[in-house]
């Protein structure tokens, strides 16, 4: 069991290293596109949250309704 943990940790570390290297090798244009995409996703999530309304019912249960 301990060996699996060590191997899994090594695999996870290698995956993290690959992500870091990939990030370093991105061009400024790729980084800007990624930043823009993440910003758009955050805005969409914020807009969706605005459309939700917390509503209490008679039984003191709380529901979230789309508006």
N, C-alpha and C. Protein backbone atom coordinates (compact mmCIF):
# COMPACT_ATOMS: atom_id res chain seq x y z
N UNK A 1 0.83 -1.19 0.00
CA UNK A 1 0.00 0.00 0.00
C UNK A 1 0.87 1.25 0.00
N UNK A 2 1.95 1.25 0.78
CA UNK A 2 2.83 2.41 0.82
C UNK A 2 3.52 2.63 -0.52
N UNK A 3 3.85 1.52 -1.20
CA UNK A 3 4.51 1.63 -2.49
C UNK A 3 3.58 2.27 -3.52
N UNK A 4 2.30 1.90 -3.49
CA UNK A 4 1.32 2.52 -4.40
C UNK A 4 1.27 4.02 -4.17
N UNK A 5 1.27 4.42 -2.88
CA UNK A 5 1.24 5.83 -2.56
C UNK A 5 2.45 6.55 -3.15
N UNK A 6 3.63 5.94 -3.00
CA UNK A 6 4.84 6.55 -3.53
C UNK A 6 4.80 6.64 -5.05
N UNK A 7 4.34 5.59 -5.71
CA UNK A 7 4.25 5.61 -7.17
C UNK A 7 3.23 6.62 -7.64
N UNK A 8 2.10 6.67 -6.97
CA UNK A 8 1.06 7.62 -7.35
C UNK A 8 1.58 9.04 -7.17
N UNK A 9 2.26 9.29 -6.08
CA UNK A 9 2.81 10.61 -5.84
C UNK A 9 3.80 10.99 -6.92
N UNK A 10 4.61 10.03 -7.34
CA UNK A 10 5.59 10.29 -8.39
C UNK A 10 4.88 10.62 -9.70
N UNK A 11 3.82 9.86 -10.02
CA UNK A 11 3.05 10.13 -11.24
C UNK A 11 2.41 11.51 -11.18
N UNK A 12 1.86 11.85 -10.03
CA UNK A 12 1.24 13.16 -9.86
C UNK A 12 2.28 14.27 -10.01
N UNK A 13 3.46 14.06 -9.43
CA UNK A 13 4.52 15.05 -9.55
C UNK A 13 4.95 15.22 -11.00
N UNK A 14 5.05 14.13 -11.73
CA UNK A 14 5.43 14.21 -13.14
C UNK A 14 4.37 14.96 -13.94
N UNK A 15 3.10 14.71 -13.63
CA UNK A 15 2.02 15.41 -14.33
C UNK A 15 2.09 16.90 -14.04
N UNK A 16 2.32 17.27 -12.78
CA UNK A 16 2.45 18.68 -12.42
C UNK A 16 3.63 19.32 -13.15
N UNK A 17 4.75 18.61 -13.22
CA UNK A 17 5.92 19.12 -13.93
C UNK A 17 5.60 19.37 -15.40
N UNK A 18 4.87 18.43 -16.02
CA UNK A 18 4.48 18.60 -17.42
C UNK A 18 3.63 19.84 -17.60
N UNK A 19 2.68 20.07 -16.68
CA UNK A 19 1.82 21.25 -16.76
C UNK A 19 2.64 22.53 -16.62
N UNK A 20 3.61 22.52 -15.71
CA UNK A 20 4.46 23.70 -15.51
C UNK A 20 5.28 23.98 -16.76
N UNK A 21 5.87 22.94 -17.33
CA UNK A 21 6.67 23.11 -18.55
C UNK A 21 5.81 23.61 -19.69
N UNK A 22 4.61 23.05 -19.82
CA UNK A 22 3.69 23.47 -20.87
C UNK A 22 3.35 24.96 -20.70
N UNK A 23 3.13 25.37 -19.45
CA UNK A 23 2.79 26.76 -19.16
C UNK A 23 3.96 27.69 -19.51
N UNK A 24 5.17 27.26 -19.19
CA UNK A 24 6.36 28.06 -19.49
C UNK A 24 6.53 28.22 -20.99
N UNK A 25 6.22 27.17 -21.75
CA UNK A 25 6.43 27.19 -23.19
C UNK A 25 5.31 27.88 -23.96
N UNK A 26 4.24 28.30 -23.28
CA UNK A 26 3.16 28.99 -23.98
C UNK A 26 3.65 30.34 -24.49
N UNK A 27 3.16 30.71 -25.66
CA UNK A 27 3.49 32.02 -26.20
C UNK A 27 2.61 33.06 -25.52
N UNK A 28 3.01 34.32 -25.59
CA UNK A 28 2.16 35.38 -25.01
C UNK A 28 0.74 35.38 -25.61
N UNK A 29 0.63 35.05 -26.89
CA UNK A 29 -0.69 35.00 -27.53
C UNK A 29 -1.53 33.88 -26.93
N UNK A 30 -0.91 32.73 -26.69
CA UNK A 30 -1.63 31.60 -26.08
C UNK A 30 -2.05 31.95 -24.65
N UNK A 31 -1.15 32.61 -23.92
CA UNK A 31 -1.48 33.01 -22.55
C UNK A 31 -2.64 34.00 -22.53
N UNK A 32 -2.65 34.95 -23.45
CA UNK A 32 -3.73 35.93 -23.53
C UNK A 32 -5.04 35.26 -23.88
N UNK A 33 -5.02 34.32 -24.81
CA UNK A 33 -6.24 33.60 -25.20
C UNK A 33 -6.77 32.80 -24.00
N UNK A 34 -5.88 32.18 -23.27
CA UNK A 34 -6.29 31.40 -22.10
C UNK A 34 -6.89 32.33 -21.05
N UNK A 35 -6.24 33.48 -20.81
CA UNK A 35 -6.73 34.45 -19.84
C UNK A 35 -8.11 34.96 -20.24
N UNK A 36 -8.28 35.24 -21.54
CA UNK A 36 -9.56 35.73 -22.05
C UNK A 36 -10.66 34.68 -21.86
N UNK A 37 -10.33 33.41 -22.18
CA UNK A 37 -11.29 32.32 -22.03
C UNK A 37 -11.71 32.15 -20.57
N UNK A 38 -10.74 32.19 -19.66
CA UNK A 38 -11.04 32.06 -18.24
C UNK A 38 -11.88 33.23 -17.74
N UNK A 39 -11.60 34.42 -18.24
CA UNK A 39 -12.37 35.60 -17.86
C UNK A 39 -13.82 35.46 -18.33
N UNK A 40 -14.00 34.98 -19.55
CA UNK A 40 -15.35 34.78 -20.09
C UNK A 40 -16.10 33.73 -19.27
N UNK A 41 -15.42 32.66 -18.89
CA UNK A 41 -16.06 31.62 -18.08
C UNK A 41 -16.47 32.17 -16.71
N UNK A 42 -15.62 33.01 -16.13
CA UNK A 42 -15.94 33.61 -14.83
C UNK A 42 -17.14 34.54 -14.96
N UNK A 43 -17.20 35.29 -16.06
CA UNK A 43 -18.33 36.20 -16.27
C UNK A 43 -19.62 35.40 -16.45
N UNK A 44 -19.57 34.30 -17.21
CA UNK A 44 -20.75 33.46 -17.40
C UNK A 44 -21.23 32.90 -16.06
N UNK A 45 -20.31 32.46 -15.23
CA UNK A 45 -20.67 31.91 -13.92
C UNK A 45 -21.31 33.00 -13.06
N UNK A 46 -20.76 34.20 -13.12
CA UNK A 46 -21.30 35.32 -12.34
C UNK A 46 -22.71 35.65 -12.82
N UNK A 47 -22.92 35.66 -14.14
CA UNK A 47 -24.24 35.93 -14.70
C UNK A 47 -25.25 34.87 -14.28
N UNK A 48 -24.83 33.60 -14.27
CA UNK A 48 -25.73 32.53 -13.85
C UNK A 48 -26.11 32.68 -12.38
N UNK A 49 -25.15 33.07 -11.54
CA UNK A 49 -25.44 33.26 -10.12
C UNK A 49 -26.46 34.38 -9.92
N UNK A 50 -26.41 35.41 -10.75
CA UNK A 50 -27.37 36.51 -10.65
C UNK A 50 -28.78 36.03 -10.95
N UNK A 51 -28.91 34.99 -11.76
CA UNK A 51 -30.22 34.50 -12.16
C UNK A 51 -30.83 33.54 -11.15
N UNK A 52 -30.10 33.23 -10.09
CA UNK A 52 -30.62 32.32 -9.06
C UNK A 52 -31.14 33.14 -7.88
N UNK A 53 -32.19 32.64 -7.27
CA UNK A 53 -32.80 33.33 -6.14
C UNK A 53 -33.03 32.32 -5.02
N UNK A 54 -32.61 32.66 -3.81
CA UNK A 54 -32.82 31.78 -2.66
C UNK A 54 -34.21 32.05 -2.13
N UNK A 55 -34.99 30.97 -1.98
CA UNK A 55 -36.38 31.10 -1.55
C UNK A 55 -36.63 30.16 -0.38
N UNK A 56 -37.22 30.68 0.70
CA UNK A 56 -37.59 29.83 1.84
C UNK A 56 -39.05 29.42 1.66
N UNK A 57 -39.37 28.18 2.03
CA UNK A 57 -40.77 27.75 1.95
C UNK A 57 -41.35 27.62 3.36
N UNK A 58 -42.55 27.12 3.45
CA UNK A 58 -43.26 27.02 4.73
C UNK A 58 -42.55 26.13 5.74
N UNK A 59 -41.84 25.13 5.30
CA UNK A 59 -41.19 24.17 6.18
C UNK A 59 -39.78 24.58 6.59
N UNK A 60 -39.43 25.82 6.39
CA UNK A 60 -38.10 26.34 6.69
C UNK A 60 -37.01 25.67 5.86
N UNK A 61 -37.39 25.03 4.76
CA UNK A 61 -36.41 24.50 3.83
C UNK A 61 -35.99 25.64 2.90
N UNK A 62 -34.79 25.58 2.42
CA UNK A 62 -34.32 26.62 1.51
C UNK A 62 -34.14 26.02 0.13
N UNK A 63 -34.66 26.70 -0.86
CA UNK A 63 -34.55 26.26 -2.24
C UNK A 63 -33.92 27.37 -3.06
N UNK A 64 -33.29 26.98 -4.14
CA UNK A 64 -32.75 27.95 -5.09
C UNK A 64 -33.56 27.83 -6.35
N UNK A 65 -34.17 28.94 -6.76
CA UNK A 65 -34.99 28.93 -7.96
C UNK A 65 -34.34 29.80 -9.03
N UNK A 66 -34.46 29.36 -10.26
CA UNK A 66 -33.99 30.17 -11.38
C UNK A 66 -34.99 31.28 -11.62
N UNK A 67 -34.50 32.48 -11.90
CA UNK A 67 -35.40 33.61 -12.16
C UNK A 67 -35.38 33.98 -13.61
